[in-house]
Amino acid sequence: MIRIQFFARYREALGTDGESLEWSADLSRVEDIRQRLSSRGGVWLVLGDTGLMCARNDELCGLDEPIADGDQVAFFPTVTGG
């Protein structure tokens, strides 16, 4: 099982702070999860943002990061400040 969390405007747009997906061989990278969720269409297309950031098991990572059963993946927008 992969636990997925959404933060900030992604959580607001999706109306949920997270969900779980059964791990399978076709979900071997963070990008695979993003694509699966985005393929739902509608509000889920927000995960196609170019400013999307992600983390695996509380560590920042890229979309090409490999994932395994039991991992936690988080999606959040780029944060800027000054």
PDB file of N, CA and C in Angstrom:
ATOM      1  N   MET A   1       0.842  -1.166   0.000  1.00  0.00           N
ATOM      2  CA  MET A   1       0.000   0.000   0.000  1.00  0.00           C
ATOM      3  C   MET A   1       0.896   1.240   0.000  1.00  0.00           C
ATOM      4  N   ILE A   2       0.558   2.218  -0.828  1.00  0.00           N
ATOM      5  CA  ILE A   2       1.262   3.491  -0.886  1.00  0.00           C
ATOM      6  C   ILE A   2       0.330   4.555  -0.313  1.00  0.00           C
ATOM      7  N   ARG A   3       0.795   5.275   0.672  1.00  0.00           N
ATOM      8  CA  ARG A   3       0.020   6.368   1.259  1.00  0.00           C
ATOM      9  C   ARG A   3       0.408   7.655   0.538  1.00  0.00           C
ATOM     10  N   ILE A   4      -0.592   8.384   0.043  1.00  0.00           N
ATOM     11  CA  ILE A   4      -0.356   9.613  -0.712  1.00  0.00           C
ATOM     12  C   ILE A   4      -0.959  10.774   0.055  1.00  0.00           C
ATOM     13  N   GLN A   5      -0.191  11.857   0.187  1.00  0.00           N
ATOM     14  CA  GLN A   5      -0.662  13.044   0.867  1.00  0.00           C
ATOM     15  C   GLN A   5      -0.595  14.243  -0.069  1.00  0.00           C
ATOM     16  N   PHE A   6      -1.567  15.136   0.097  1.00  0.00           N
ATOM     17  CA  PHE A   6      -1.639  16.366  -0.688  1.00  0.00           C
ATOM     18  C   PHE A   6      -1.594  17.549   0.265  1.00  0.00           C
ATOM     19  N   PHE A   7      -0.832  18.577  -0.099  1.00  0.00           N
ATOM     20  CA  PHE A   7      -0.680  19.741   0.764  1.00  0.00           C
ATOM     21  C   PHE A   7      -1.027  21.032   0.034  1.00  0.00           C
ATOM     22  N   ALA A   8      -1.360  22.053   0.825  1.00  0.00           N
ATOM     23  CA  ALA A   8      -1.620  23.413   0.364  1.00  0.00           C
ATOM     24  C   ALA A   8      -2.722  23.437  -0.704  1.00  0.00           C
ATOM     25  N   ARG A   9      -2.462  24.113  -1.812  1.00  0.00           N
ATOM     26  CA  ARG A   9      -3.537  24.268  -2.805  1.00  0.00           C
ATOM     27  C   ARG A   9      -3.939  22.967  -3.482  1.00  0.00           C
ATOM     28  N   TYR A  10      -3.073  21.968  -3.469  1.00  0.00           N
ATOM     29  CA  TYR A  10      -3.477  20.667  -4.023  1.00  0.00           C
ATOM     30  C   TYR A  10      -4.547  20.036  -3.137  1.00  0.00           C
ATOM     31  N   ARG A  11      -4.346  20.107  -1.839  1.00  0.00           N
ATOM     32  CA  ARG A  11      -5.345  19.584  -0.904  1.00  0.00           C
ATOM     33  C   ARG A  11      -6.667  20.328  -1.082  1.00  0.00           C
ATOM     34  N   GLU A  12      -6.593  21.644  -1.217  1.00  0.00           N
ATOM     35  CA  GLU A  12      -7.808  22.446  -1.398  1.00  0.00           C
ATOM     36  C   GLU A  12      -8.514  22.097  -2.707  1.00  0.00           C
ATOM     37  N   ALA A  13      -7.764  21.998  -3.794  1.00  0.00           N
ATOM     38  CA  ALA A  13      -8.362  21.700  -5.100  1.00  0.00           C
ATOM     39  C   ALA A  13      -8.972  20.305  -5.136  1.00  0.00           C
ATOM     40  N   LEU A  14      -8.316  19.340  -4.506  1.00  0.00           N
ATOM     41  CA  LEU A  14      -8.773  17.950  -4.555  1.00  0.00           C
ATOM     42  C   LEU A  14      -9.812  17.631  -3.491  1.00  0.00           C
ATOM     43  N   GLY A  15      -9.910  18.480  -2.484  1.00  0.00           N
ATOM     44  CA  GLY A  15     -10.887  18.246  -1.433  1.00  0.00           C
ATOM     45  C   GLY A  15     -10.536  17.088  -0.519  1.00  0.00           C
ATOM     46  N   THR A  16      -9.260  16.739  -0.470  1.00  0.00           N
ATOM     47  CA  THR A  16      -8.809  15.646   0.395  1.00  0.00           C
ATOM     48  C   THR A  16      -7.353  15.886   0.756  1.00  0.00           C
ATOM     49  N   ASP A  17      -6.955  15.372   1.910  1.00  0.00           N
ATOM     50  CA  ASP A  17      -5.551  15.515   2.280  1.00  0.00           C
ATOM     51  C   ASP A  17      -4.740  14.270   1.931  1.00  0.00           C
ATOM     52  N   GLY A  18      -5.421  13.225   1.432  1.00  0.00           N
ATOM     53  CA  GLY A  18      -4.670  12.055   1.016  1.00  0.00           C
ATOM     54  C   GLY A  18      -5.531  10.845   0.732  1.00  0.00           C
ATOM     55  N   GLU A  19      -4.870   9.803   0.292  1.00  0.00           N
ATOM     56  CA  GLU A  19      -5.516   8.520   0.010  1.00  0.00           C
ATOM     57  C   GLU A  19      -4.449   7.448  -0.064  1.00  0.00           C
ATOM     58  N   SER A  20      -4.864   6.237  -0.231  1.00  0.00           N
ATOM     59  CA  SER A  20      -3.940   5.113  -0.377  1.00  0.00           C
ATOM     60  C   SER A  20      -4.199   4.401  -1.696  1.00  0.00           C
ATOM     61  N   LEU A  21      -3.138   3.901  -2.294  1.00  0.00           N
ATOM     62  CA  LEU A  21      -3.229   3.086  -3.507  1.00  0.00           C
ATOM     63  C   LEU A  21      -2.499   1.780  -3.250  1.00  0.00           C
ATOM     64  N   GLU A  22      -3.033   0.710  -3.782  1.00  0.00           N
ATOM     65  CA  GLU A  22      -2.327  -0.572  -3.726  1.00  0.00           C
ATOM     66  C   GLU A  22      -1.059  -0.460  -4.559  1.00  0.00           C
ATOM     67  N   TRP A  23       0.079  -0.855  -3.992  1.00  0.00           N
ATOM     68  CA  TRP A  23       1.316  -0.852  -4.748  1.00  0.00           C
ATOM     69  C   TRP A  23       1.261  -1.959  -5.789  1.00  0.00           C
ATOM     70  N   SER A  24       1.788  -1.668  -6.968  1.00  0.00           N
ATOM     71  CA  SER A  24       1.908  -2.668  -8.028  1.00  0.00           C
ATOM     72  C   SER A  24       3.129  -2.312  -8.861  1.00  0.00           C
ATOM     73  N   ALA A  25       3.554  -3.217  -9.698  1.00  0.00           N
ATOM     74  CA  ALA A  25       4.754  -3.006 -10.513  1.00  0.00           C
ATOM     75  C   ALA A  25       4.621  -1.796 -11.428  1.00  0.00           C
ATOM     76  N   ASP A  26       3.397  -1.441 -11.830  1.00  0.00           N
ATOM     77  CA  ASP A  26       3.228  -0.275 -12.701  1.00  0.00           C
ATOM     78  C   ASP A  26       3.243   1.036 -11.905  1.00  0.00           C
ATOM     79  N   LEU A  27       3.384   0.968 -10.599  1.00  0.00           N
ATOM     80  CA  LEU A  27       3.565   2.146  -9.749  1.00  0.00           C
ATOM     81  C   LEU A  27       4.950   2.076  -9.114  1.00  0.00           C
ATOM     82  N   SER A  28       5.960   2.127  -9.948  1.00  0.00           N
ATOM     83  CA  SER A  28       7.318   1.942  -9.443  1.00  0.00           C
ATOM     84  C   SER A  28       8.061   3.253  -9.193  1.00  0.00           C
ATOM     85  N   ARG A  29       7.500   4.387  -9.656  1.00  0.00           N
ATOM     86  CA  ARG A  29       8.121   5.699  -9.468  1.00  0.00           C
ATOM     87  C   ARG A  29       7.060   6.701  -9.013  1.00  0.00           C
ATOM     88  N   VAL A  30       7.500   7.783  -8.408  1.00  0.00           N
ATOM     89  CA  VAL A  30       6.570   8.841  -8.004  1.00  0.00           C
ATOM     90  C   VAL A  30       5.799   9.349  -9.222  1.00  0.00           C
ATOM     91  N   GLU A  31       6.463   9.471 -10.355  1.00  0.00           N
ATOM     92  CA  GLU A  31       5.802   9.931 -11.582  1.00  0.00           C
ATOM     93  C   GLU A  31       4.640   9.019 -11.973  1.00  0.00           C
ATOM     94  N   ASP A  32       4.766   7.731 -11.752  1.00  0.00           N
ATOM     95  CA  ASP A  32       3.681   6.798 -12.075  1.00  0.00           C
ATOM     96  C   ASP A  32       2.438   7.100 -11.245  1.00  0.00           C
ATOM     97  N   ILE A  33       2.639   7.443  -9.991  1.00  0.00           N
ATOM     98  CA  ILE A  33       1.505   7.803  -9.132  1.00  0.00           C
ATOM     99  C   ILE A  33       0.870   9.096  -9.632  1.00  0.00           C
ATOM    100  N   ARG A  34       1.712  10.096  -9.910  1.00  0.00           N
ATOM    101  CA  ARG A  34       1.196  11.380 -10.411  1.00  0.00           C
ATOM    102  C   ARG A  34       0.380  11.179 -11.681  1.00  0.00           C
ATOM    103  N   GLN A  35       0.890  10.387 -12.600  1.00  0.00           N
ATOM    104  CA  GLN A  35       0.169  10.138 -13.849  1.00  0.00           C
ATOM    105  C   GLN A  35      -1.141   9.396 -13.604  1.00  0.00           C
ATOM    106  N   ARG A  36      -1.133   8.409 -12.730  1.00  0.00           N
ATOM    107  CA  ARG A  36      -2.357   7.662 -12.430  1.00  0.00           C
ATOM    108  C   ARG A  36      -3.421   8.598 -11.873  1.00  0.00           C
ATOM    109  N   LEU A  37      -3.032   9.448 -10.932  1.00  0.00           N
ATOM    110  CA  LEU A  37      -3.996  10.368 -10.330  1.00  0.00           C
ATOM    111  C   LEU A  37      -4.465  11.410 -11.341  1.00  0.00           C
ATOM    112  N   SER A  38      -3.550  11.977 -12.124  1.00  0.00           N
ATOM    113  CA  SER A  38      -3.917  12.984 -13.126  1.00  0.00           C
ATOM    114  C   SER A  38      -4.844  12.416 -14.191  1.00  0.00           C
ATOM    115  N   SER A  39      -4.725  11.131 -14.471  1.00  0.00           N
ATOM    116  CA  SER A  39      -5.551  10.513 -15.515  1.00  0.00           C
ATOM    117  C   SER A  39      -7.031  10.480 -15.131  1.00  0.00           C
ATOM    118  N   ARG A  40      -7.333  10.756 -13.871  1.00  0.00           N
ATOM    119  CA  ARG A  40      -8.730  10.836 -13.445  1.00  0.00           C
ATOM    120  C   ARG A  40      -9.432  12.044 -14.065  1.00  0.00           C
ATOM    121  N   GLY A  41      -8.651  13.020 -14.513  1.00  0.00           N
ATOM    122  CA  GLY A  41      -9.212  14.220 -15.129  1.00  0.00           C
ATOM    123  C   GLY A  41      -9.787  15.176 -14.106  1.00  0.00           C
ATOM    124  N   GLY A  42     -10.486  16.191 -14.585  1.00  0.00           N
ATOM    125  CA  GLY A  42     -11.115  17.170 -13.707  1.00  0.00           C
ATOM    126  C   GLY A  42     -10.113  17.830 -12.777  1.00  0.00           C
ATOM    127  N   VAL A  43     -10.472  17.934 -11.507  1.00  0.00           N
ATOM    128  CA  VAL A  43      -9.612  18.609 -10.530  1.00  0.00           C
ATOM    129  C   VAL A  43      -8.254  17.932 -10.381  1.00  0.00           C
ATOM    130  N   TRP A  44      -8.180  16.657 -10.712  1.00  0.00           N
ATOM    131  CA  TRP A  44      -6.921  15.916 -10.563  1.00  0.00           C
ATOM    132  C   TRP A  44      -5.838  16.412 -11.517  1.00  0.00           C
ATOM    133  N   LEU A  45      -6.214  17.147 -12.547  1.00  0.00           N
ATOM    134  CA  LEU A  45      -5.231  17.690 -13.485  1.00  0.00           C
ATOM    135  C   LEU A  45      -4.305  18.696 -12.814  1.00  0.00           C
ATOM    136  N   VAL A  46      -4.689  19.208 -11.635  1.00  0.00           N
ATOM    137  CA  VAL A  46      -3.832  20.130 -10.898  1.00  0.00           C
ATOM    138  C   VAL A  46      -2.468  19.497 -10.599  1.00  0.00           C
ATOM    139  N   LEU A  47      -2.406  18.182 -10.530  1.00  0.00           N
ATOM    140  CA  LEU A  47      -1.134  17.509 -10.253  1.00  0.00           C
ATOM    141  C   LEU A  47      -0.183  17.540 -11.447  1.00  0.00           C
ATOM    142  N   GLY A  48      -0.626  18.111 -12.549  1.00  0.00           N
ATOM    143  CA  GLY A  48       0.240  18.296 -13.704  1.00  0.00           C
ATOM    144  C   GLY A  48       0.999  19.617 -13.661  1.00  0.00           C
ATOM    145  N   ASP A  49       0.836  20.381 -12.588  1.00  0.00           N
ATOM    146  CA  ASP A  49       1.537  21.657 -12.429  1.00  0.00           C
ATOM    147  C   ASP A  49       3.029  21.505 -12.659  1.00  0.00           C
ATOM    148  N   THR A  50       3.616  22.493 -13.329  1.00  0.00           N
ATOM    149  CA  THR A  50       5.063  22.468 -13.516  1.00  0.00           C
ATOM    150  C   THR A  50       5.796  22.776 -12.216  1.00  0.00           C
ATOM    151  N   GLY A  51       5.117  23.410 -11.251  1.00  0.00           N
ATOM    152  CA  GLY A  51       5.738  23.722  -9.973  1.00  0.00           C
ATOM    153  C   GLY A  51       5.524  22.665  -8.914  1.00  0.00           C
ATOM    154  N   LEU A  52       5.029  21.496  -9.301  1.00  0.00           N
ATOM    155  CA  LEU A  52       4.769  20.428  -8.347  1.00  0.00           C
ATOM    156  C   LEU A  52       6.067  19.936  -7.715  1.00  0.00           C
ATOM    157  N   MET A  53       6.038  19.787  -6.414  1.00  0.00           N
ATOM    158  CA  MET A  53       7.170  19.207  -5.700  1.00  0.00           C
ATOM    159  C   MET A  53       6.688  17.924  -5.050  1.00  0.00           C
ATOM    160  N   CYS A  54       7.612  17.052  -4.708  1.00  0.00           N
ATOM    161  CA  CYS A  54       7.208  15.783  -4.111  1.00  0.00           C
ATOM    162  C   CYS A  54       8.248  15.317  -3.098  1.00  0.00           C
ATOM    163  N   ALA A  55       7.780  14.418  -2.260  1.00  0.00           N
ATOM    164  CA  ALA A  55       8.648  13.814  -1.255  1.00  0.00           C
ATOM    165  C   ALA A  55       8.279  12.343  -1.123  1.00  0.00           C
ATOM    166  N   ARG A  56       9.263  11.559  -0.795  1.00  0.00           N
ATOM    167  CA  ARG A  56       9.056  10.131  -0.519  1.00  0.00           C
ATOM    168  C   ARG A  56       9.566   9.868   0.884  1.00  0.00           C
ATOM    169  N   ASN A  57       8.695   9.349   1.727  1.00  0.00           N
ATOM    170  CA  ASN A  57       9.065   9.058   3.115  1.00  0.00           C
ATOM    171  C   ASN A  57       9.724  10.263   3.791  1.00  0.00           C
ATOM    172  N   ASP A  58       9.089  11.442   3.612  1.00  0.00           N
ATOM    173  CA  ASP A  58       9.505  12.704   4.242  1.00  0.00           C
ATOM    174  C   ASP A  58      10.832  13.261   3.730  1.00  0.00           C
ATOM    175  N   GLU A  59      11.296  12.786   2.585  1.00  0.00           N
ATOM    176  CA  GLU A  59      12.523  13.303   1.970  1.00  0.00           C
ATOM    177  C   GLU A  59      12.182  13.862   0.600  1.00  0.00           C
ATOM    178  N   LEU A  60      12.569  15.122   0.335  1.00  0.00           N
ATOM    179  CA  LEU A  60      12.338  15.686  -0.986  1.00  0.00           C
ATOM    180  C   LEU A  60      12.933  14.777  -2.047  1.00  0.00           C
ATOM    181  N   CYS A  61      12.249  14.677  -3.173  1.00  0.00           N
ATOM    182  CA  CYS A  61      12.735  13.813  -4.246  1.00  0.00           C
ATOM    183  C   CYS A  61      12.230  14.334  -5.575  1.00  0.00           C
ATOM    184  N   GLY A  62      12.676  13.720  -6.634  1.00  0.00           N
ATOM    185  CA  GLY A  62      12.198  14.026  -7.970  1.00  0.00           C
ATOM    186  C   GLY A  62      11.120  13.036  -8.372  1.00  0.00           C
ATOM    187  N   LEU A  63      10.462  13.321  -9.471  1.00  0.00           N
ATOM    188  CA  LEU A  63       9.396  12.448  -9.954  1.00  0.00           C
ATOM    189  C   LEU A  63       9.911  11.081 -10.378  1.00  0.00           C
ATOM    190  N   ASP A  64      11.207  10.978 -10.653  1.00  0.00           N
ATOM    191  CA  ASP A  64      11.778   9.692 -11.071  1.00  0.00           C
ATOM    192  C   ASP A  64      12.176   8.819  -9.875  1.00  0.00           C
ATOM    193  N   GLU A  65      11.886   9.276  -8.660  1.00  0.00           N
ATOM    194  CA  GLU A  65      12.229   8.515  -7.449  1.00  0.00           C
ATOM    195  C   GLU A  65      11.499   7.171  -7.431  1.00  0.00           C
ATOM    196  N   PRO A  66      12.216   6.076  -7.226  1.00  0.00           N
ATOM    197  CA  PRO A  66      11.555   4.768  -7.121  1.00  0.00           C
ATOM    198  C   PRO A  66      10.755   4.672  -5.822  1.00  0.00           C
ATOM    199  N   ILE A  67       9.678   3.930  -5.868  1.00  0.00           N
ATOM    200  CA  ILE A  67       8.871   3.718  -4.674  1.00  0.00           C
ATOM    201  C   ILE A  67       8.672   2.223  -4.458  1.00  0.00           C
ATOM    202  N   ALA A  68       8.364   1.892  -3.215  1.00  0.00           N
ATOM    203  CA  ALA A  68       8.145   0.496  -2.838  1.00  0.00           C
ATOM    204  C   ALA A  68       6.897   0.407  -1.977  1.00  0.00           C
ATOM    205  N   ASP A  69       6.401  -0.782  -1.846  1.00  0.00           N
ATOM    206  CA  ASP A  69       5.240  -1.022  -1.008  1.00  0.00           C
ATOM    207  C   ASP A  69       5.512  -0.493   0.398  1.00  0.00           C
ATOM    208  N   GLY A  70       4.567   0.247   0.963  1.00  0.00           N
ATOM    209  CA  GLY A  70       4.703   0.808   2.293  1.00  0.00           C
ATOM    210  C   GLY A  70       5.215   2.234   2.336  1.00  0.00           C
ATOM    211  N   ASP A  71       5.619   2.768   1.184  1.00  0.00           N
ATOM    212  CA  ASP A  71       6.124   4.135   1.138  1.00  0.00           C
ATOM    213  C   ASP A  71       4.999   5.152   1.300  1.00  0.00           C
ATOM    214  N   GLN A  72       5.415   6.356   1.663  1.00  0.00           N
ATOM    215  CA  GLN A  72       4.524   7.505   1.723  1.00  0.00           C
ATOM    216  C   GLN A  72       5.023   8.515   0.704  1.00  0.00           C
ATOM    217  N   VAL A  73       4.117   9.044  -0.110  1.00  0.00           N
ATOM    218  CA  VAL A  73       4.458  10.026  -1.130  1.00  0.00           C
ATOM    219  C   VAL A  73       3.620  11.272  -0.880  1.00  0.00           C
ATOM    220  N   ALA A  74       4.263  12.431  -0.952  1.00  0.00           N
ATOM    221  CA  ALA A  74       3.562  13.696  -0.741  1.00  0.00           C
ATOM    222  C   ALA A  74       3.743  14.588  -1.963  1.00  0.00           C
ATOM    223  N   PHE A  75       2.673  15.298  -2.319  1.00  0.00           N
ATOM    224  CA  PHE A  75       2.715  16.295  -3.394  1.00  0.00           C
ATOM    225  C   PHE A  75       2.366  17.643  -2.807  1.00  0.00           C
ATOM    226  N   PHE A  76       3.145  18.665  -3.188  1.00  0.00           N
ATOM    227  CA  PHE A  76       2.907  20.020  -2.693  1.00  0.00           C
ATOM    228  C   PHE A  76       3.457  21.016  -3.695  1.00  0.00           C
ATOM    229  N   PRO A  77       2.887  22.228  -3.694  1.00  0.00           N
ATOM    230  CA  PRO A  77       3.373  23.244  -4.645  1.00  0.00           C
ATOM    231  C   PRO A  77       4.668  23.874  -4.159  1.00  0.00           C
ATOM    232  N   THR A  78       5.384  24.487  -5.079  1.00  0.00           N
ATOM    233  CA  THR A  78       6.571  25.254  -4.734  1.00  0.00           C
ATOM    234  C   THR A  78       6.159  26.399  -3.829  1.00  0.00           C
ATOM    235  N   VAL A  79       6.934  26.623  -2.804  1.00  0.00           N
ATOM    236  CA  VAL A  79       6.644  27.707  -1.871  1.00  0.00           C
ATOM    237  C   VAL A  79       7.719  28.770  -2.050  1.00  0.00           C
ATOM    238  N   THR A  80       7.284  30.012  -2.182  1.00  0.00           N
ATOM    239  CA  THR A  80       8.237  31.114  -2.278  1.00  0.00           C
ATOM    240  C   THR A  80       7.922  32.121  -1.191  1.00  0.00           C
ATOM    241  N   GLY A  81       8.873  32.859  -0.849  1.00  0.00           N
ATOM    242  CA  GLY A  81       8.673  33.878   0.177  1.00  0.00           C
ATOM    243  C   GLY A  81       9.756  34.912   0.079  1.00  0.00           C
ATOM    244  N   GLY A  82       9.645  35.910   0.894  1.00  0.00           N
ATOM    245  CA  GLY A  82      10.653  36.936   0.810  1.00  0.00           C
ATOM    246  C   GLY A  82      10.758  37.688   2.007  1.00  0.00           C
TER     247      GLY A  82
END
